[in-house]
Amino acid sequence: MRADAVRGHLDGLLLAVLEPGPLHGYAIITAVQRRSGGALELRTGTIYPALQRLERLGLLSSSWDAVGERRRRRYELTDAGRRALATERTAWNEFTAAIGSVLNPAT
């Protein structure tokens, strides 16, 4: 899948994989890849700035988690993030319905 296919939908993807519970960055990348059947491969240089932006917007919160000697940041949805995810899903459904009606018109 083309990398630019994700453009404009990254926020929704990140919010969706965090819906079940908190994850650290690499686990978020893995969750997107797994849930997309391997079609979407996000890079760390793409997701970390997006996660930080979503946190500044109040859609995510984060905390440090120690794993052995390593520390990693875990992200989770806030209530505002859950509302934003619901809005993203509605917008996605409307978008795909509109595009579908053009690409696959009813006969």
PDB file of N, CA and C in Angstrom:
ATOM      1  N   MET A   1       0.845  -1.175   0.000  1.00  0.00           N
ATOM      2  CA  MET A   1       0.000   0.000   0.000  1.00  0.00           C
ATOM      3  C   MET A   1       0.890   1.237   0.000  1.00  0.00           C
ATOM      4  N   ARG A   2       0.501   2.231  -0.733  1.00  0.00           N
ATOM      5  CA  ARG A   2       1.287   3.463  -0.804  1.00  0.00           C
ATOM      6  C   ARG A   2       1.338   4.158   0.552  1.00  0.00           C
ATOM      7  N   ALA A   3       2.504   4.691   0.869  1.00  0.00           N
ATOM      8  CA  ALA A   3       2.682   5.372   2.154  1.00  0.00           C
ATOM      9  C   ALA A   3       1.760   6.579   2.270  1.00  0.00           C
ATOM     10  N   ASP A   4       1.495   7.260   1.167  1.00  0.00           N
ATOM     11  CA  ASP A   4       0.637   8.443   1.237  1.00  0.00           C
ATOM     12  C   ASP A   4      -0.832   8.097   1.458  1.00  0.00           C
ATOM     13  N   ALA A   5      -1.188   6.811   1.385  1.00  0.00           N
ATOM     14  CA  ALA A   5      -2.573   6.399   1.630  1.00  0.00           C
ATOM     15  C   ALA A   5      -2.967   6.643   3.090  1.00  0.00           C
ATOM     16  N   VAL A   6      -1.986   6.654   3.980  1.00  0.00           N
ATOM     17  CA  VAL A   6      -2.250   6.864   5.400  1.00  0.00           C
ATOM     18  C   VAL A   6      -2.437   8.341   5.719  1.00  0.00           C
ATOM     19  N   ARG A   7      -1.882   9.189   4.887  1.00  0.00           N
ATOM     20  CA  ARG A   7      -1.938  10.622   5.128  1.00  0.00           C
ATOM     21  C   ARG A   7      -3.383  11.066   5.350  1.00  0.00           C
ATOM     22  N   GLY A   8      -3.610  11.816   6.391  1.00  0.00           N
ATOM     23  CA  GLY A   8      -4.940  12.293   6.712  1.00  0.00           C
ATOM     24  C   GLY A   8      -5.723  11.339   7.601  1.00  0.00           C
ATOM     25  N   HIS A   9      -5.208  10.125   7.786  1.00  0.00           N
ATOM     26  CA  HIS A   9      -5.912   9.138   8.602  1.00  0.00           C
ATOM     27  C   HIS A   9      -5.068   8.646   9.777  1.00  0.00           C
ATOM     28  N   LEU A  10      -3.867   9.183   9.911  1.00  0.00           N
ATOM     29  CA  LEU A  10      -2.948   8.718  10.947  1.00  0.00           C
ATOM     30  C   LEU A  10      -3.534   8.906  12.342  1.00  0.00           C
ATOM     31  N   ASP A  11      -4.135  10.053  12.612  1.00  0.00           N
ATOM     32  CA  ASP A  11      -4.692  10.296  13.943  1.00  0.00           C
ATOM     33  C   ASP A  11      -5.723   9.232  14.291  1.00  0.00           C
ATOM     34  N   GLY A  12      -6.618   8.950  13.377  1.00  0.00           N
ATOM     35  CA  GLY A  12      -7.645   7.945  13.618  1.00  0.00           C
ATOM     36  C   GLY A  12      -7.048   6.571  13.849  1.00  0.00           C
ATOM     37  N   LEU A  13      -6.013   6.221  13.083  1.00  0.00           N
ATOM     38  CA  LEU A  13      -5.359   4.922  13.264  1.00  0.00           C
ATOM     39  C   LEU A  13      -4.738   4.811  14.654  1.00  0.00           C
ATOM     40  N   LEU A  14      -4.049   5.860  15.065  1.00  0.00           N
ATOM     41  CA  LEU A  14      -3.384   5.845  16.375  1.00  0.00           C
ATOM     42  C   LEU A  14      -4.405   5.787  17.498  1.00  0.00           C
ATOM     43  N   LEU A  15      -5.460   6.579  17.391  1.00  0.00           N
ATOM     44  CA  LEU A  15      -6.499   6.564  18.424  1.00  0.00           C
ATOM     45  C   LEU A  15      -7.161   5.189  18.497  1.00  0.00           C
ATOM     46  N   ALA A  16      -7.405   4.586  17.338  1.00  0.00           N
ATOM     47  CA  ALA A  16      -8.091   3.296  17.308  1.00  0.00           C
ATOM     48  C   ALA A  16      -7.274   2.183  17.962  1.00  0.00           C
ATOM     49  N   VAL A  17      -5.975   2.149  17.705  1.00  0.00           N
ATOM     50  CA  VAL A  17      -5.179   1.068  18.308  1.00  0.00           C
ATOM     51  C   VAL A  17      -4.969   1.286  19.801  1.00  0.00           C
ATOM     52  N   LEU A  18      -5.164   2.510  20.268  1.00  0.00           N
ATOM     53  CA  LEU A  18      -5.044   2.780  21.700  1.00  0.00           C
ATOM     54  C   LEU A  18      -6.366   2.608  22.441  1.00  0.00           C
ATOM     55  N   GLU A  19      -7.438   2.389  21.710  1.00  0.00           N
ATOM     56  CA  GLU A  19      -8.745   2.252  22.344  1.00  0.00           C
ATOM     57  C   GLU A  19      -8.797   1.121  23.380  1.00  0.00           C
ATOM     58  N   PRO A  20      -8.243  -0.054  23.097  1.00  0.00           N
ATOM     59  CA  PRO A  20      -8.322  -1.133  24.094  1.00  0.00           C
ATOM     60  C   PRO A  20      -7.509  -0.873  25.366  1.00  0.00           C
ATOM     61  N   GLY A  21      -6.480  -0.041  25.275  1.00  0.00           N
ATOM     62  CA  GLY A  21      -5.670   0.236  26.454  1.00  0.00           C
ATOM     63  C   GLY A  21      -4.331   0.829  26.082  1.00  0.00           C
ATOM     64  N   PRO A  22      -3.545   1.229  27.083  1.00  0.00           N
ATOM     65  CA  PRO A  22      -2.267   1.903  26.849  1.00  0.00           C
ATOM     66  C   PRO A  22      -1.261   1.012  26.128  1.00  0.00           C
ATOM     67  N   LEU A  23      -0.450   1.650  25.284  1.00  0.00           N
ATOM     68  CA  LEU A  23       0.629   0.972  24.564  1.00  0.00           C
ATOM     69  C   LEU A  23       1.819   1.912  24.460  1.00  0.00           C
ATOM     70  N   HIS A  24       2.998   1.352  24.322  1.00  0.00           N
ATOM     71  CA  HIS A  24       4.190   2.156  24.038  1.00  0.00           C
ATOM     72  C   HIS A  24       4.355   2.237  22.519  1.00  0.00           C
ATOM     73  N   GLY A  25       5.250   3.090  22.076  1.00  0.00           N
ATOM     74  CA  GLY A  25       5.399   3.390  20.651  1.00  0.00           C
ATOM     75  C   GLY A  25       5.555   2.193  19.741  1.00  0.00           C
ATOM     76  N   TYR A  26       6.490   1.297  20.063  1.00  0.00           N
ATOM     77  CA  TYR A  26       6.710   0.143  19.191  1.00  0.00           C
ATOM     78  C   TYR A  26       5.476  -0.751  19.144  1.00  0.00           C
ATOM     79  N   ALA A  27       4.786  -0.893  20.284  1.00  0.00           N
ATOM     80  CA  ALA A  27       3.567  -1.711  20.322  1.00  0.00           C
ATOM     81  C   ALA A  27       2.463  -1.071  19.474  1.00  0.00           C
ATOM     82  N   ILE A  28       2.442   0.247  19.393  1.00  0.00           N
ATOM     83  CA  ILE A  28       1.468   0.934  18.542  1.00  0.00           C
ATOM     84  C   ILE A  28       1.748   0.617  17.079  1.00  0.00           C
ATOM     85  N   ILE A  29       3.014   0.696  16.687  1.00  0.00           N
ATOM     86  CA  ILE A  29       3.405   0.373  15.311  1.00  0.00           C
ATOM     87  C   ILE A  29       3.008  -1.060  14.979  1.00  0.00           C
ATOM     88  N   THR A  30       3.306  -1.970  15.904  1.00  0.00           N
ATOM     89  CA  THR A  30       2.983  -3.383  15.711  1.00  0.00           C
ATOM     90  C   THR A  30       1.473  -3.603  15.612  1.00  0.00           C
ATOM     91  N   ALA A  31       0.704  -2.906  16.444  1.00  0.00           N
ATOM     92  CA  ALA A  31      -0.756  -3.064  16.431  1.00  0.00           C
ATOM     93  C   ALA A  31      -1.352  -2.598  15.103  1.00  0.00           C
ATOM     94  N   VAL A  32      -0.864  -1.476  14.585  1.00  0.00           N
ATOM     95  CA  VAL A  32      -1.361  -0.993  13.284  1.00  0.00           C
ATOM     96  C   VAL A  32      -1.033  -2.011  12.201  1.00  0.00           C
ATOM     97  N   GLN A  33       0.181  -2.504  12.218  1.00  0.00           N
ATOM     98  CA  GLN A  33       0.596  -3.480  11.207  1.00  0.00           C
ATOM     99  C   GLN A  33      -0.233  -4.762  11.314  1.00  0.00           C
ATOM    100  N   ARG A  34      -0.422  -5.242  12.521  1.00  0.00           N
ATOM    101  CA  ARG A  34      -1.191  -6.475  12.729  1.00  0.00           C
ATOM    102  C   ARG A  34      -2.652  -6.288  12.323  1.00  0.00           C
ATOM    103  N   ARG A  35      -3.261  -5.187  12.765  1.00  0.00           N
ATOM    104  CA  ARG A  35      -4.676  -4.967  12.463  1.00  0.00           C
ATOM    105  C   ARG A  35      -4.926  -4.703  10.991  1.00  0.00           C
ATOM    106  N   SER A  36      -3.912  -4.238  10.275  1.00  0.00           N
ATOM    107  CA  SER A  36      -4.068  -3.993   8.834  1.00  0.00           C
ATOM    108  C   SER A  36      -3.647  -5.200   8.003  1.00  0.00           C
ATOM    109  N   GLY A  37      -3.342  -6.306   8.656  1.00  0.00           N
ATOM    110  CA  GLY A  37      -2.900  -7.485   7.933  1.00  0.00           C
ATOM    111  C   GLY A  37      -1.561  -7.284   7.255  1.00  0.00           C
ATOM    112  N   GLY A  38      -0.737  -6.391   7.804  1.00  0.00           N
ATOM    113  CA  GLY A  38       0.586  -6.118   7.255  1.00  0.00           C
ATOM    114  C   GLY A  38       0.601  -5.065   6.155  1.00  0.00           C
ATOM    115  N   ALA A  39      -0.561  -4.538   5.804  1.00  0.00           N
ATOM    116  CA  ALA A  39      -0.626  -3.558   4.711  1.00  0.00           C
ATOM    117  C   ALA A  39      -0.074  -2.190   5.112  1.00  0.00           C
ATOM    118  N   LEU A  40      -0.155  -1.856   6.395  1.00  0.00           N
ATOM    119  CA  LEU A  40       0.313  -0.555   6.867  1.00  0.00           C
ATOM    120  C   LEU A  40       1.529  -0.730   7.752  1.00  0.00           C
ATOM    121  N   GLU A  41       2.615  -0.099   7.364  1.00  0.00           N
ATOM    122  CA  GLU A  41       3.840  -0.127   8.155  1.00  0.00           C
ATOM    123  C   GLU A  41       4.222   1.310   8.479  1.00  0.00           C
ATOM    124  N   LEU A  42       4.004   1.698   9.725  1.00  0.00           N
ATOM    125  CA  LEU A  42       4.335   3.050  10.152  1.00  0.00           C
ATOM    126  C   LEU A  42       5.760   3.094  10.680  1.00  0.00           C
ATOM    127  N   ARG A  43       6.411   4.190  10.449  1.00  0.00           N
ATOM    128  CA  ARG A  43       7.786   4.376  10.930  1.00  0.00           C
ATOM    129  C   ARG A  43       7.777   5.207  12.209  1.00  0.00           C
ATOM    130  N   THR A  44       8.807   5.012  13.027  1.00  0.00           N
ATOM    131  CA  THR A  44       8.883   5.759  14.281  1.00  0.00           C
ATOM    132  C   THR A  44       8.926   7.260  14.029  1.00  0.00           C
ATOM    133  N   GLY A  45       9.561   7.669  12.949  1.00  0.00           N
ATOM    134  CA  GLY A  45       9.631   9.088  12.617  1.00  0.00           C
ATOM    135  C   GLY A  45       8.294   9.675  12.233  1.00  0.00           C
ATOM    136  N   THR A  46       7.338   8.820  11.973  1.00  0.00           N
ATOM    137  CA  THR A  46       5.987   9.260  11.644  1.00  0.00           C
ATOM    138  C   THR A  46       5.110   9.287  12.886  1.00  0.00           C
ATOM    139  N   ILE A  47       5.182   8.236  13.702  1.00  0.00           N
ATOM    140  CA  ILE A  47       4.212   8.159  14.792  1.00  0.00           C
ATOM    141  C   ILE A  47       4.567   9.003  16.008  1.00  0.00           C
ATOM    142  N   TYR A  48       5.846   9.126  16.350  1.00  0.00           N
ATOM    143  CA  TYR A  48       6.166   9.871  17.574  1.00  0.00           C
ATOM    144  C   TYR A  48       5.773  11.337  17.505  1.00  0.00           C
ATOM    145  N   PRO A  49       6.042  12.038  16.412  1.00  0.00           N
ATOM    146  CA  PRO A  49       5.539  13.422  16.343  1.00  0.00           C
ATOM    147  C   PRO A  49       4.005  13.477  16.411  1.00  0.00           C
ATOM    148  N   ALA A  50       3.337  12.507  15.793  1.00  0.00           N
ATOM    149  CA  ALA A  50       1.869  12.479  15.836  1.00  0.00           C
ATOM    150  C   ALA A  50       1.374  12.211  17.256  1.00  0.00           C
ATOM    151  N   LEU A  51       2.014  11.278  17.965  1.00  0.00           N
ATOM    152  CA  LEU A  51       1.621  10.993  19.344  1.00  0.00           C
ATOM    153  C   LEU A  51       1.814  12.217  20.231  1.00  0.00           C
ATOM    154  N   GLN A  52       2.922  12.912  20.049  1.00  0.00           N
ATOM    155  CA  GLN A  52       3.183  14.114  20.839  1.00  0.00           C
ATOM    156  C   GLN A  52       2.157  15.205  20.532  1.00  0.00           C
ATOM    157  N   ARG A  53       1.785  15.336  19.271  1.00  0.00           N
ATOM    158  CA  ARG A  53       0.776  16.327  18.878  1.00  0.00           C
ATOM    159  C   ARG A  53      -0.579  15.974  19.489  1.00  0.00           C
ATOM    160  N   LEU A  54      -0.959  14.692  19.416  1.00  0.00           N
ATOM    161  CA  LEU A  54      -2.230  14.261  19.989  1.00  0.00           C
ATOM    162  C   LEU A  54      -2.251  14.467  21.507  1.00  0.00           C
ATOM    163  N   GLU A  55      -1.103  14.309  22.130  1.00  0.00           N
ATOM    164  CA  GLU A  55      -1.024  14.564  23.569  1.00  0.00           C
ATOM    165  C   GLU A  55      -1.182  16.054  23.865  1.00  0.00           C
ATOM    166  N   ARG A  56      -0.528  16.901  23.072  1.00  0.00           N
ATOM    167  CA  ARG A  56      -0.683  18.354  23.264  1.00  0.00           C
ATOM    168  C   ARG A  56      -2.137  18.791  23.082  1.00  0.00           C
ATOM    169  N   LEU A  57      -2.855  18.103  22.200  1.00  0.00           N
ATOM    170  CA  LEU A  57      -4.269  18.424  21.953  1.00  0.00           C
ATOM    171  C   LEU A  57      -5.188  17.868  23.044  1.00  0.00           C
ATOM    172  N   GLY A  58      -4.641  17.079  23.951  1.00  0.00           N
ATOM    173  CA  GLY A  58      -5.426  16.522  25.041  1.00  0.00           C
ATOM    174  C   GLY A  58      -6.166  15.245  24.678  1.00  0.00           C
ATOM    175  N   LEU A  59      -5.818  14.638  23.532  1.00  0.00           N
ATOM    176  CA  LEU A  59      -6.487  13.414  23.101  1.00  0.00           C
ATOM    177  C   LEU A  59      -5.814  12.169  23.668  1.00  0.00           C
ATOM    178  N   LEU A  60      -4.560  12.318  24.075  1.00  0.00           N
ATOM    179  CA  LEU A  60      -3.792  11.235  24.689  1.00  0.00           C
ATOM    180  C   LEU A  60      -3.143  11.746  25.957  1.00  0.00           C
ATOM    181  N   SER A  61      -2.874  10.822  26.855  1.00  0.00           N
ATOM    182  CA  SER A  61      -2.007  11.121  27.990  1.00  0.00           C
ATOM    183  C   SER A  61      -0.885  10.091  27.937  1.00  0.00           C
ATOM    184  N   SER A  62       0.211  10.396  28.603  1.00  0.00           N
ATOM    185  CA  SER A  62       1.331   9.457  28.578  1.00  0.00           C
ATOM    186  C   SER A  62       1.986   9.395  29.952  1.00  0.00           C
ATOM    187  N   SER A  63       2.687   8.302  30.147  1.00  0.00           N
ATOM    188  CA  SER A  63       3.444   8.131  31.378  1.00  0.00           C
ATOM    189  C   SER A  63       4.652   7.252  31.061  1.00  0.00           C
ATOM    190  N   TRP A  64       5.672   7.351  31.907  1.00  0.00           N
ATOM    191  CA  TRP A  64       6.858   6.535  31.713  1.00  0.00           C
ATOM    192  C   TRP A  64       6.662   5.201  32.398  1.00  0.00           C
ATOM    193  N   ASP A  65       7.134   4.160  31.740  1.00  0.00           N
ATOM    194  CA  ASP A  65       7.022   2.792  32.231  1.00  0.00           C
ATOM    195  C   ASP A  65       8.431   2.196  32.195  1.00  0.00           C
ATOM    196  N   ALA A  66       8.839   1.562  33.283  1.00  0.00           N
ATOM    197  CA  ALA A  66      10.158   0.924  33.328  1.00  0.00           C
ATOM    198  C   ALA A  66      10.029  -0.540  32.972  1.00  0.00           C
ATOM    199  N   VAL A  67      10.875  -0.964  32.034  1.00  0.00           N
ATOM    200  CA  VAL A  67      10.946  -2.365  31.646  1.00  0.00           C
ATOM    201  C   VAL A  67      12.401  -2.766  31.796  1.00  0.00           C
ATOM    202  N   GLY A  68      12.694  -3.437  32.889  1.00  0.00           N
ATOM    203  CA  GLY A  68      14.092  -3.730  33.186  1.00  0.00           C
ATOM    204  C   GLY A  68      14.842  -2.423  33.401  1.00  0.00           C
ATOM    205  N   GLU A  69      15.907  -2.250  32.657  1.00  0.00           N
ATOM    206  CA  GLU A  69      16.710  -1.029  32.744  1.00  0.00           C
ATOM    207  C   GLU A  69      16.219   0.058  31.799  1.00  0.00           C
ATOM    208  N   ARG A  70      15.312  -0.317  30.919  1.00  0.00           N
ATOM    209  CA  ARG A  70      14.826   0.622  29.906  1.00  0.00           C
ATOM    210  C   ARG A  70      13.544   1.302  30.366  1.00  0.00           C
ATOM    211  N   ARG A  71      13.412   2.538  29.951  1.00  0.00           N
ATOM    212  CA  ARG A  71      12.173   3.271  30.181  1.00  0.00           C
ATOM    213  C   ARG A  71      11.527   3.524  28.835  1.00  0.00           C
ATOM    214  N   ARG A  72      10.219   3.446  28.796  1.00  0.00           N
ATOM    215  CA  ARG A  72       9.501   3.754  27.572  1.00  0.00           C
ATOM    216  C   ARG A  72       8.206   4.460  27.934  1.00  0.00           C
ATOM    217  N   ARG A  73       7.761   5.290  27.018  1.00  0.00           N
ATOM    218  CA  ARG A  73       6.561   6.083  27.244  1.00  0.00           C
ATOM    219  C   ARG A  73       5.346   5.310  26.761  1.00  0.00           C
ATOM    220  N   ARG A  74       4.351   5.220  27.644  1.00  0.00           N
ATOM    221  CA  ARG A  74       3.090   4.571  27.296  1.00  0.00           C
ATOM    222  C   ARG A  74       2.040   5.646  27.047  1.00  0.00           C
ATOM    223  N   TYR A  75       1.273   5.443  26.006  1.00  0.00           N
ATOM    224  CA  TYR A  75       0.226   6.395  25.635  1.00  0.00           C
ATOM    225  C   TYR A  75      -1.133   5.749  25.844  1.00  0.00           C
ATOM    226  N   GLU A  76      -2.106   6.576  26.244  1.00  0.00           N
ATOM    227  CA  GLU A  76      -3.473   6.081  26.358  1.00  0.00           C
ATOM    228  C   GLU A  76      -4.460   7.188  26.015  1.00  0.00           C
ATOM    229  N   LEU A  77      -5.652   6.758  25.607  1.00  0.00           N
ATOM    230  CA  LEU A  77      -6.693   7.701  25.240  1.00  0.00           C
ATOM    231  C   LEU A  77      -7.227   8.428  26.463  1.00  0.00           C
ATOM    232  N   THR A  78      -7.537   9.698  26.285  1.00  0.00           N
ATOM    233  CA  THR A  78      -8.281  10.451  27.285  1.00  0.00           C
ATOM    234  C   THR A  78      -9.757  10.391  26.883  1.00  0.00           C
ATOM    235  N   ASP A  79     -10.620  10.938  27.697  1.00  0.00           N
ATOM    236  CA  ASP A  79     -12.036  11.000  27.320  1.00  0.00           C
ATOM    237  C   ASP A  79     -12.210  11.797  26.027  1.00  0.00           C
ATOM    238  N   ALA A  80     -11.441  12.882  25.900  1.00  0.00           N
ATOM    239  CA  ALA A  80     -11.497  13.675  24.665  1.00  0.00           C
ATOM    240  C   ALA A  80     -11.009  12.848  23.481  1.00  0.00           C
ATOM    241  N   GLY A  81     -10.032  11.986  23.706  1.00  0.00           N
ATOM    242  CA  GLY A  81      -9.528  11.115  22.652  1.00  0.00           C
ATOM    243  C   GLY A  81     -10.574  10.107  22.207  1.00  0.00           C
ATOM    244  N   ARG A  82     -11.353   9.603  23.148  1.00  0.00           N
ATOM    245  CA  ARG A  82     -12.429   8.663  22.800  1.00  0.00           C
ATOM    246  C   ARG A  82     -13.504   9.360  21.961  1.00  0.00           C
ATOM    247  N   ARG A  83     -13.819  10.593  22.324  1.00  0.00           N
ATOM    248  CA  ARG A  83     -14.791  11.360  21.529  1.00  0.00           C
ATOM    249  C   ARG A  83     -14.238  11.658  20.141  1.00  0.00           C
ATOM    250  N   ALA A  84     -12.952  11.992  20.070  1.00  0.00           N
ATOM    251  CA  ALA A  84     -12.323  12.264  18.772  1.00  0.00           C
ATOM    252  C   ALA A  84     -12.311  11.009  17.904  1.00  0.00           C
ATOM    253  N   LEU A  85     -12.087   9.850  18.505  1.00  0.00           N
ATOM    254  CA  LEU A  85     -12.110   8.593  17.761  1.00  0.00           C
ATOM    255  C   LEU A  85     -13.503   8.334  17.198  1.00  0.00           C
ATOM    256  N   ALA A  86     -14.526   8.587  17.971  1.00  0.00           N
ATOM    257  CA  ALA A  86     -15.901   8.406  17.478  1.00  0.00           C
ATOM    258  C   ALA A  86     -16.161   9.330  16.290  1.00  0.00           C
ATOM    259  N   THR A  87     -15.669  10.559  16.367  1.00  0.00           N
ATOM    260  CA  THR A  87     -15.819  11.514  15.265  1.00  0.00           C
ATOM    261  C   THR A  87     -15.053  11.041  14.039  1.00  0.00           C
ATOM    262  N   GLU A  88     -13.835  10.528  14.243  1.00  0.00           N
ATOM    263  CA  GLU A  88     -13.015   9.999  13.139  1.00  0.00           C
ATOM    264  C   GLU A  88     -13.719   8.839  12.452  1.00  0.00           C
ATOM    265  N   ARG A  89     -14.327   7.966  13.243  1.00  0.00           N
ATOM    266  CA  ARG A  89     -15.029   6.811  12.660  1.00  0.00           C
ATOM    267  C   ARG A  89     -16.216   7.255  11.823  1.00  0.00           C
ATOM    268  N   THR A  90     -16.970   8.213  12.320  1.00  0.00           N
ATOM    269  CA  THR A  90     -18.115   8.726  11.563  1.00  0.00           C
ATOM    270  C   THR A  90     -17.646   9.349  10.257  1.00  0.00           C
ATOM    271  N   ALA A  91     -16.609  10.173  10.336  1.00  0.00           N
ATOM    272  CA  ALA A  91     -16.074  10.818   9.131  1.00  0.00           C
ATOM    273  C   ALA A  91     -15.559   9.780   8.137  1.00  0.00           C
ATOM    274  N   TRP A  92     -14.896   8.742   8.633  1.00  0.00           N
ATOM    275  CA  TRP A  92     -14.379   7.686   7.759  1.00  0.00           C
ATOM    276  C   TRP A  92     -15.522   6.953   7.055  1.00  0.00           C
ATOM    277  N   ASN A  93     -16.566   6.617   7.796  1.00  0.00           N
ATOM    278  CA  ASN A  93     -17.709   5.928   7.196  1.00  0.00           C
ATOM    279  C   ASN A  93     -18.380   6.787   6.123  1.00  0.00           C
ATOM    280  N   GLU A  94     -18.506   8.073   6.377  1.00  0.00           N
ATOM    281  CA  GLU A  94     -19.094   8.980   5.383  1.00  0.00           C
ATOM    282  C   GLU A  94     -18.192   9.090   4.155  1.00  0.00           C
ATOM    283  N   PHE A  95     -16.897   9.192   4.375  1.00  0.00           N
ATOM    284  CA  PHE A  95     -15.932   9.307   3.288  1.00  0.00           C
ATOM    285  C   PHE A  95     -15.943   8.061   2.410  1.00  0.00           C
ATOM    286  N   THR A  96     -15.867   6.878   3.041  1.00  0.00           N
ATOM    287  CA  THR A  96     -15.824   5.649   2.250  1.00  0.00           C
ATOM    288  C   THR A  96     -17.145   5.410   1.517  1.00  0.00           C
ATOM    289  N   ALA A  97     -18.253   5.824   2.103  1.00  0.00           N
ATOM    290  CA  ALA A  97     -19.544   5.685   1.412  1.00  0.00           C
ATOM    291  C   ALA A  97     -19.588   6.586   0.183  1.00  0.00           C
ATOM    292  N   ALA A  98     -19.093   7.812   0.314  1.00  0.00           N
ATOM    293  CA  ALA A  98     -19.098   8.738  -0.814  1.00  0.00           C
ATOM    294  C   ALA A  98     -18.172   8.263  -1.929  1.00  0.00           C
ATOM    295  N   ILE A  99     -16.971   7.845  -1.582  1.00  0.00           N
ATOM    296  CA  ILE A  99     -16.026   7.359  -2.585  1.00  0.00           C
ATOM    297  C   ILE A  99     -16.554   6.082  -3.228  1.00  0.00           C
ATOM    298  N   GLY A 100     -17.099   5.196  -2.415  1.00  0.00           N
ATOM    299  CA  GLY A 100     -17.663   3.959  -2.931  1.00  0.00           C
ATOM    300  C   GLY A 100     -18.787   4.200  -3.913  1.00  0.00           C
ATOM    301  N   SER A 101     -19.603   5.195  -3.658  1.00  0.00           N
ATOM    302  CA  SER A 101     -20.721   5.454  -4.565  1.00  0.00           C
ATOM    303  C   SER A 101     -20.240   6.005  -5.910  1.00  0.00           C
ATOM    304  N   VAL A 102     -19.056   6.601  -5.928  1.00  0.00           N
ATOM    305  CA  VAL A 102     -18.495   7.079  -7.195  1.00  0.00           C
ATOM    306  C   VAL A 102     -17.763   5.953  -7.907  1.00  0.00           C
ATOM    307  N   LEU A 103     -16.931   5.219  -7.190  1.00  0.00           N
ATOM    308  CA  LEU A 103     -16.149   4.151  -7.812  1.00  0.00           C
ATOM    309  C   LEU A 103     -16.988   2.944  -8.205  1.00  0.00           C
ATOM    310  N   ASN A 104     -18.002   2.651  -7.412  1.00  0.00           N
ATOM    311  CA  ASN A 104     -18.854   1.482  -7.664  1.00  0.00           C
ATOM    312  C   ASN A 104     -20.321   1.909  -7.699  1.00  0.00           C
ATOM    313  N   PRO A 105     -20.713   2.641  -8.733  1.00  0.00           N
ATOM    314  CA  PRO A 105     -22.094   3.125  -8.785  1.00  0.00           C
ATOM    315  C   PRO A 105     -23.085   1.958  -8.891  1.00  0.00           C
ATOM    316  N   ALA A 106     -24.219   2.133  -8.282  1.00  0.00           N
ATOM    317  CA  ALA A 106     -25.261   1.104  -8.359  1.00  0.00           C
ATOM    318  C   ALA A 106     -25.803   1.063  -9.785  1.00  0.00           C
ATOM    319  N   THR A 107     -26.119  -0.118 -10.240  1.00  0.00           N
ATOM    320  CA  THR A 107     -26.646  -0.236 -11.614  1.00  0.00           C
ATOM    321  C   THR A 107     -28.150  -0.355 -11.579  1.00  0.00           C
TER     322      THR A 107
END
